[in-house]
């Protein structure tokens, strides 16, 4: 059986929190609980008139990778609703091949 994961490319995350909302709705999680959480980094002034502000999606222990959705042939809710398309679902084998495309990508594995 293939092992699955989600590839995160935080360079494209806009901080819209669509993944968080989709996860909460799909899994019936109460306010303040998440299977995925978008963390804000910054803003920091890194040079005169130059600021750093970025976002980093991270999975929590409440993530089930939407097992019921996947049994129906669908991708996890966070991936489906990501407006920036910075989340990608697939087998670890296929996703690991994409890691060299962008050095700051993260691969979260789920067995």
N, C-alpha and C. Protein backbone atom coordinates (compact mmCIF):
# COMPACT_ATOMS: atom_id res chain seq x y z
N UNK A 1 0.84 -1.18 0.00
CA UNK A 1 0.00 0.00 0.00
C UNK A 1 0.89 1.24 0.00
N UNK A 2 0.55 2.20 -0.82
CA UNK A 2 1.33 3.43 -0.94
C UNK A 2 1.16 4.29 0.29
N UNK A 3 2.22 4.96 0.65
CA UNK A 3 2.16 5.94 1.73
C UNK A 3 1.92 7.29 1.09
N UNK A 4 1.09 8.10 1.74
CA UNK A 4 0.69 9.38 1.17
C UNK A 4 1.20 10.55 1.99
N UNK A 5 1.21 11.69 1.36
CA UNK A 5 1.65 12.90 2.03
C UNK A 5 1.10 14.13 1.34
N UNK A 6 1.45 15.27 1.93
CA UNK A 6 1.08 16.56 1.36
C UNK A 6 2.34 17.39 1.26
N UNK A 7 2.59 17.91 0.08
CA UNK A 7 3.73 18.76 -0.19
C UNK A 7 3.30 20.21 0.00
N UNK A 8 4.04 20.93 0.82
CA UNK A 8 3.74 22.34 1.10
C UNK A 8 4.81 23.21 0.48
N UNK A 9 4.40 24.19 -0.31
CA UNK A 9 5.33 25.19 -0.83
C UNK A 9 4.95 26.53 -0.20
N UNK A 10 5.55 26.85 0.96
CA UNK A 10 5.15 28.06 1.67
C UNK A 10 5.45 29.35 0.92
N UNK A 11 6.28 29.29 -0.10
CA UNK A 11 6.58 30.49 -0.88
C UNK A 11 5.33 31.04 -1.55
N UNK A 12 4.33 30.17 -1.78
CA UNK A 12 3.12 30.59 -2.47
C UNK A 12 1.95 30.85 -1.54
N UNK A 13 2.09 30.52 -0.25
CA UNK A 13 0.99 30.70 0.69
C UNK A 13 0.72 32.19 0.90
N UNK A 14 -0.55 32.59 0.75
CA UNK A 14 -0.93 33.99 0.90
C UNK A 14 -1.52 34.29 2.28
N UNK A 15 -1.64 33.26 3.11
CA UNK A 15 -2.21 33.47 4.44
C UNK A 15 -3.72 33.64 4.44
N UNK A 16 -4.40 33.09 3.46
CA UNK A 16 -5.86 33.26 3.35
C UNK A 16 -6.63 32.41 4.36
N UNK A 17 -6.00 31.39 4.91
CA UNK A 17 -6.61 30.50 5.92
C UNK A 17 -7.74 29.63 5.37
N UNK A 18 -7.87 29.53 4.05
CA UNK A 18 -8.90 28.67 3.47
C UNK A 18 -8.71 27.21 3.87
N UNK A 19 -7.46 26.79 3.98
CA UNK A 19 -7.19 25.41 4.37
C UNK A 19 -7.68 25.14 5.79
N UNK A 20 -7.47 26.10 6.69
CA UNK A 20 -7.92 25.96 8.08
C UNK A 20 -9.44 25.81 8.15
N UNK A 21 -10.13 26.71 7.47
CA UNK A 21 -11.60 26.71 7.49
C UNK A 21 -12.14 25.42 6.87
N UNK A 22 -11.56 25.01 5.76
CA UNK A 22 -12.01 23.78 5.09
C UNK A 22 -11.82 22.57 6.00
N UNK A 23 -10.70 22.53 6.70
CA UNK A 23 -10.41 21.43 7.62
C UNK A 23 -11.41 21.42 8.77
N UNK A 24 -11.65 22.57 9.36
CA UNK A 24 -12.60 22.65 10.47
C UNK A 24 -13.98 22.20 10.03
N UNK A 25 -14.43 22.65 8.88
CA UNK A 25 -15.76 22.30 8.39
C UNK A 25 -15.85 20.82 8.05
N UNK A 26 -14.84 20.30 7.38
CA UNK A 26 -14.85 18.89 6.96
C UNK A 26 -14.86 17.95 8.16
N UNK A 27 -14.12 18.32 9.21
CA UNK A 27 -13.94 17.42 10.35
C UNK A 27 -14.76 17.82 11.57
N UNK A 28 -15.58 18.87 11.46
CA UNK A 28 -16.42 19.29 12.57
C UNK A 28 -15.63 19.73 13.80
N UNK A 29 -14.49 20.37 13.57
CA UNK A 29 -13.65 20.82 14.67
C UNK A 29 -14.18 22.13 15.24
N UNK A 30 -14.12 22.30 16.56
CA UNK A 30 -14.59 23.54 17.17
C UNK A 30 -13.61 24.69 16.91
N UNK A 31 -14.07 25.90 17.15
CA UNK A 31 -13.22 27.08 16.98
C UNK A 31 -11.96 26.91 17.81
N UNK A 32 -10.84 27.27 17.21
CA UNK A 32 -9.56 27.19 17.91
C UNK A 32 -8.84 25.86 17.76
N UNK A 33 -9.47 24.87 17.11
CA UNK A 33 -8.82 23.59 16.86
C UNK A 33 -8.66 23.40 15.36
N UNK A 34 -7.52 22.85 14.96
CA UNK A 34 -7.19 22.77 13.55
C UNK A 34 -6.47 21.46 13.24
N UNK A 35 -6.66 20.98 12.03
CA UNK A 35 -5.84 19.89 11.50
C UNK A 35 -4.66 20.49 10.76
N UNK A 36 -4.83 21.72 10.28
CA UNK A 36 -3.77 22.49 9.65
C UNK A 36 -3.90 23.93 10.16
N UNK A 37 -2.78 24.54 10.42
CA UNK A 37 -2.76 25.91 10.95
C UNK A 37 -1.77 26.73 10.14
N UNK A 38 -2.20 27.90 9.69
CA UNK A 38 -1.33 28.80 8.95
C UNK A 38 -0.67 29.75 9.95
N UNK A 39 0.64 29.70 10.03
CA UNK A 39 1.40 30.55 10.93
C UNK A 39 1.93 31.76 10.18
N UNK A 40 1.82 32.93 10.79
CA UNK A 40 2.34 34.17 10.19
C UNK A 40 3.75 34.41 10.70
N UNK A 41 4.65 34.69 9.78
CA UNK A 41 6.04 34.97 10.11
C UNK A 41 6.32 36.42 9.76
N UNK A 42 6.61 37.22 10.77
CA UNK A 42 6.84 38.64 10.55
C UNK A 42 5.60 39.43 10.92
N UNK A 43 5.49 40.64 10.49
CA UNK A 43 6.43 41.35 9.60
C UNK A 43 7.66 41.85 10.35
N UNK A 44 8.79 41.74 9.68
CA UNK A 44 10.06 42.21 10.20
C UNK A 44 10.71 43.12 9.17
N UNK A 45 11.28 44.20 9.63
CA UNK A 45 12.04 45.05 8.73
C UNK A 45 13.43 44.44 8.60
N UNK A 46 13.78 44.02 7.39
CA UNK A 46 15.07 43.35 7.17
C UNK A 46 16.09 44.28 6.54
N UNK A 47 15.66 45.43 6.07
CA UNK A 47 16.52 46.48 5.52
C UNK A 47 15.66 47.74 5.51
N UNK A 48 16.27 48.90 5.36
CA UNK A 48 15.44 50.11 5.29
C UNK A 48 14.37 50.00 4.20
N UNK A 49 13.13 50.16 4.61
CA UNK A 49 11.98 50.08 3.70
C UNK A 49 11.81 48.72 3.02
N UNK A 50 12.38 47.66 3.61
CA UNK A 50 12.20 46.32 3.07
C UNK A 50 11.74 45.42 4.21
N UNK A 51 10.58 44.81 4.01
CA UNK A 51 9.95 44.03 5.07
C UNK A 51 9.79 42.57 4.66
N UNK A 52 9.81 41.69 5.65
CA UNK A 52 9.57 40.27 5.43
C UNK A 52 8.25 39.92 6.08
N UNK A 53 7.36 39.33 5.32
CA UNK A 53 6.10 38.80 5.84
C UNK A 53 5.80 37.55 5.04
N UNK A 54 5.71 36.42 5.72
CA UNK A 54 5.41 35.18 5.02
C UNK A 54 4.50 34.32 5.89
N UNK A 55 4.03 33.25 5.30
CA UNK A 55 3.10 32.35 5.96
C UNK A 55 3.59 30.92 5.81
N UNK A 56 3.34 30.12 6.85
CA UNK A 56 3.80 28.73 6.84
C UNK A 56 2.69 27.81 7.33
N UNK A 57 2.04 27.08 6.42
CA UNK A 57 1.04 26.10 6.84
C UNK A 57 1.74 24.94 7.57
N UNK A 58 1.13 24.49 8.65
CA UNK A 58 1.67 23.37 9.42
C UNK A 58 0.53 22.45 9.84
N UNK A 59 0.78 21.15 9.78
CA UNK A 59 -0.23 20.17 10.17
C UNK A 59 -0.13 19.87 11.66
N UNK A 60 -1.27 19.64 12.30
CA UNK A 60 -1.32 19.31 13.72
C UNK A 60 -1.65 17.82 13.87
N UNK A 61 -1.65 17.36 15.10
CA UNK A 61 -1.98 15.95 15.36
C UNK A 61 -3.45 15.65 15.08
N UNK A 62 -4.28 16.67 14.90
CA UNK A 62 -5.70 16.44 14.59
C UNK A 62 -5.93 16.18 13.10
N UNK A 63 -4.90 16.27 12.29
CA UNK A 63 -5.05 16.00 10.86
C UNK A 63 -5.22 14.51 10.64
N UNK A 64 -6.29 14.15 9.95
CA UNK A 64 -6.54 12.76 9.56
C UNK A 64 -6.28 12.55 8.08
N UNK A 65 -5.81 13.59 7.43
CA UNK A 65 -5.62 13.63 5.98
C UNK A 65 -6.92 13.28 5.28
N UNK A 66 -8.03 13.66 5.93
CA UNK A 66 -9.37 13.48 5.37
C UNK A 66 -9.59 12.07 4.83
N UNK A 67 -9.38 11.10 5.69
CA UNK A 67 -9.50 9.70 5.30
C UNK A 67 -10.83 9.39 4.61
N UNK A 68 -11.93 9.92 5.14
CA UNK A 68 -13.24 9.64 4.52
C UNK A 68 -13.34 10.22 3.12
N UNK A 69 -12.80 11.44 2.92
CA UNK A 69 -12.79 12.05 1.57
C UNK A 69 -11.95 11.21 0.62
N UNK A 70 -10.79 10.76 1.11
CA UNK A 70 -9.90 9.97 0.25
C UNK A 70 -10.51 8.64 -0.13
N UNK A 71 -11.30 8.05 0.76
CA UNK A 71 -11.98 6.78 0.43
C UNK A 71 -12.98 6.98 -0.70
N UNK A 72 -13.43 8.23 -0.90
CA UNK A 72 -14.35 8.56 -1.99
C UNK A 72 -13.59 9.01 -3.23
N UNK A 73 -12.25 8.93 -3.21
CA UNK A 73 -11.45 9.32 -4.36
C UNK A 73 -11.15 10.80 -4.42
N UNK A 74 -11.38 11.52 -3.32
CA UNK A 74 -11.13 12.96 -3.30
C UNK A 74 -9.82 13.26 -2.58
N UNK A 75 -9.29 14.44 -2.82
CA UNK A 75 -8.09 14.88 -2.12
C UNK A 75 -8.51 15.48 -0.77
N UNK A 76 -7.59 15.59 0.19
CA UNK A 76 -7.93 16.22 1.46
C UNK A 76 -8.52 17.61 1.26
N UNK A 77 -9.39 17.99 2.16
CA UNK A 77 -10.12 19.25 2.05
C UNK A 77 -9.20 20.47 1.98
N UNK A 78 -8.13 20.46 2.76
CA UNK A 78 -7.20 21.60 2.74
C UNK A 78 -6.58 21.78 1.36
N UNK A 79 -6.22 20.67 0.73
CA UNK A 79 -5.62 20.73 -0.61
C UNK A 79 -6.64 21.22 -1.62
N UNK A 80 -7.85 20.70 -1.54
CA UNK A 80 -8.91 21.08 -2.48
C UNK A 80 -9.23 22.57 -2.41
N UNK A 81 -9.22 23.14 -1.20
CA UNK A 81 -9.63 24.53 -1.02
C UNK A 81 -8.49 25.54 -1.00
N UNK A 82 -7.25 25.09 -1.13
CA UNK A 82 -6.10 26.01 -1.10
C UNK A 82 -6.16 26.92 -2.33
N UNK A 83 -6.39 28.20 -2.10
CA UNK A 83 -6.53 29.15 -3.21
C UNK A 83 -5.21 29.41 -3.93
N UNK A 84 -4.10 29.32 -3.21
CA UNK A 84 -2.80 29.58 -3.82
C UNK A 84 -2.18 28.33 -4.43
N UNK A 85 -2.83 27.20 -4.26
CA UNK A 85 -2.33 25.91 -4.77
C UNK A 85 -0.93 25.60 -4.24
N UNK A 86 -0.70 25.94 -2.97
CA UNK A 86 0.61 25.65 -2.38
C UNK A 86 0.62 24.31 -1.66
N UNK A 87 -0.50 23.60 -1.65
CA UNK A 87 -0.59 22.27 -1.07
C UNK A 87 -0.86 21.27 -2.18
N UNK A 88 -0.13 20.15 -2.14
CA UNK A 88 -0.33 19.12 -3.16
C UNK A 88 -0.34 17.75 -2.49
N UNK A 89 -1.34 16.94 -2.80
CA UNK A 89 -1.51 15.60 -2.23
C UNK A 89 -1.00 14.56 -3.22
N UNK A 90 -0.41 13.50 -2.69
CA UNK A 90 0.02 12.40 -3.54
C UNK A 90 0.79 11.36 -2.77
N UNK A 91 1.35 10.41 -3.49
CA UNK A 91 2.18 9.40 -2.84
C UNK A 91 3.52 10.03 -2.47
N UNK A 92 4.14 9.49 -1.44
CA UNK A 92 5.44 10.02 -1.03
C UNK A 92 6.46 9.91 -2.15
N UNK A 93 6.35 8.84 -2.93
CA UNK A 93 7.28 8.65 -4.03
C UNK A 93 7.18 9.78 -5.07
N UNK A 94 5.96 10.10 -5.49
CA UNK A 94 5.80 11.15 -6.50
C UNK A 94 6.09 12.54 -5.94
N UNK A 95 5.70 12.79 -4.69
CA UNK A 95 5.94 14.11 -4.11
C UNK A 95 7.41 14.34 -3.81
N UNK A 96 8.13 13.30 -3.38
CA UNK A 96 9.55 13.47 -3.07
C UNK A 96 10.36 13.86 -4.29
N UNK A 97 9.92 13.46 -5.47
CA UNK A 97 10.61 13.85 -6.71
C UNK A 97 10.50 15.34 -6.97
N UNK A 98 9.49 15.98 -6.41
CA UNK A 98 9.27 17.41 -6.64
C UNK A 98 10.02 18.30 -5.65
N UNK A 99 10.61 17.70 -4.62
CA UNK A 99 11.30 18.48 -3.60
C UNK A 99 12.46 19.30 -4.16
N UNK A 100 13.10 18.82 -5.19
CA UNK A 100 14.24 19.55 -5.75
C UNK A 100 13.80 20.77 -6.56
N UNK A 101 12.51 20.86 -6.91
CA UNK A 101 12.01 22.00 -7.68
C UNK A 101 12.15 23.32 -6.92
N UNK A 102 11.86 23.29 -5.63
CA UNK A 102 11.91 24.48 -4.78
C UNK A 102 12.50 24.06 -3.44
N UNK A 103 13.64 24.60 -3.06
CA UNK A 103 14.36 24.10 -1.88
C UNK A 103 13.66 24.31 -0.55
N UNK A 104 12.68 25.18 -0.45
CA UNK A 104 12.03 25.43 0.84
C UNK A 104 10.70 24.70 1.00
N UNK A 105 10.42 23.76 0.11
CA UNK A 105 9.19 22.98 0.23
C UNK A 105 9.31 22.02 1.42
N UNK A 106 8.16 21.62 1.94
CA UNK A 106 8.10 20.67 3.05
C UNK A 106 7.22 19.50 2.65
N UNK A 107 7.62 18.31 3.02
CA UNK A 107 6.82 17.12 2.72
C UNK A 107 6.35 16.52 4.03
N UNK A 108 5.05 16.52 4.24
CA UNK A 108 4.45 15.93 5.43
C UNK A 108 3.92 14.56 5.05
N UNK A 109 4.39 13.54 5.76
CA UNK A 109 3.98 12.19 5.41
C UNK A 109 2.91 11.68 6.37
N UNK A 110 2.02 10.87 5.82
CA UNK A 110 0.94 10.24 6.56
C UNK A 110 0.90 8.80 6.11
N UNK A 111 0.91 7.88 7.02
CA UNK A 111 0.89 6.46 6.66
C UNK A 111 -0.52 5.93 6.75
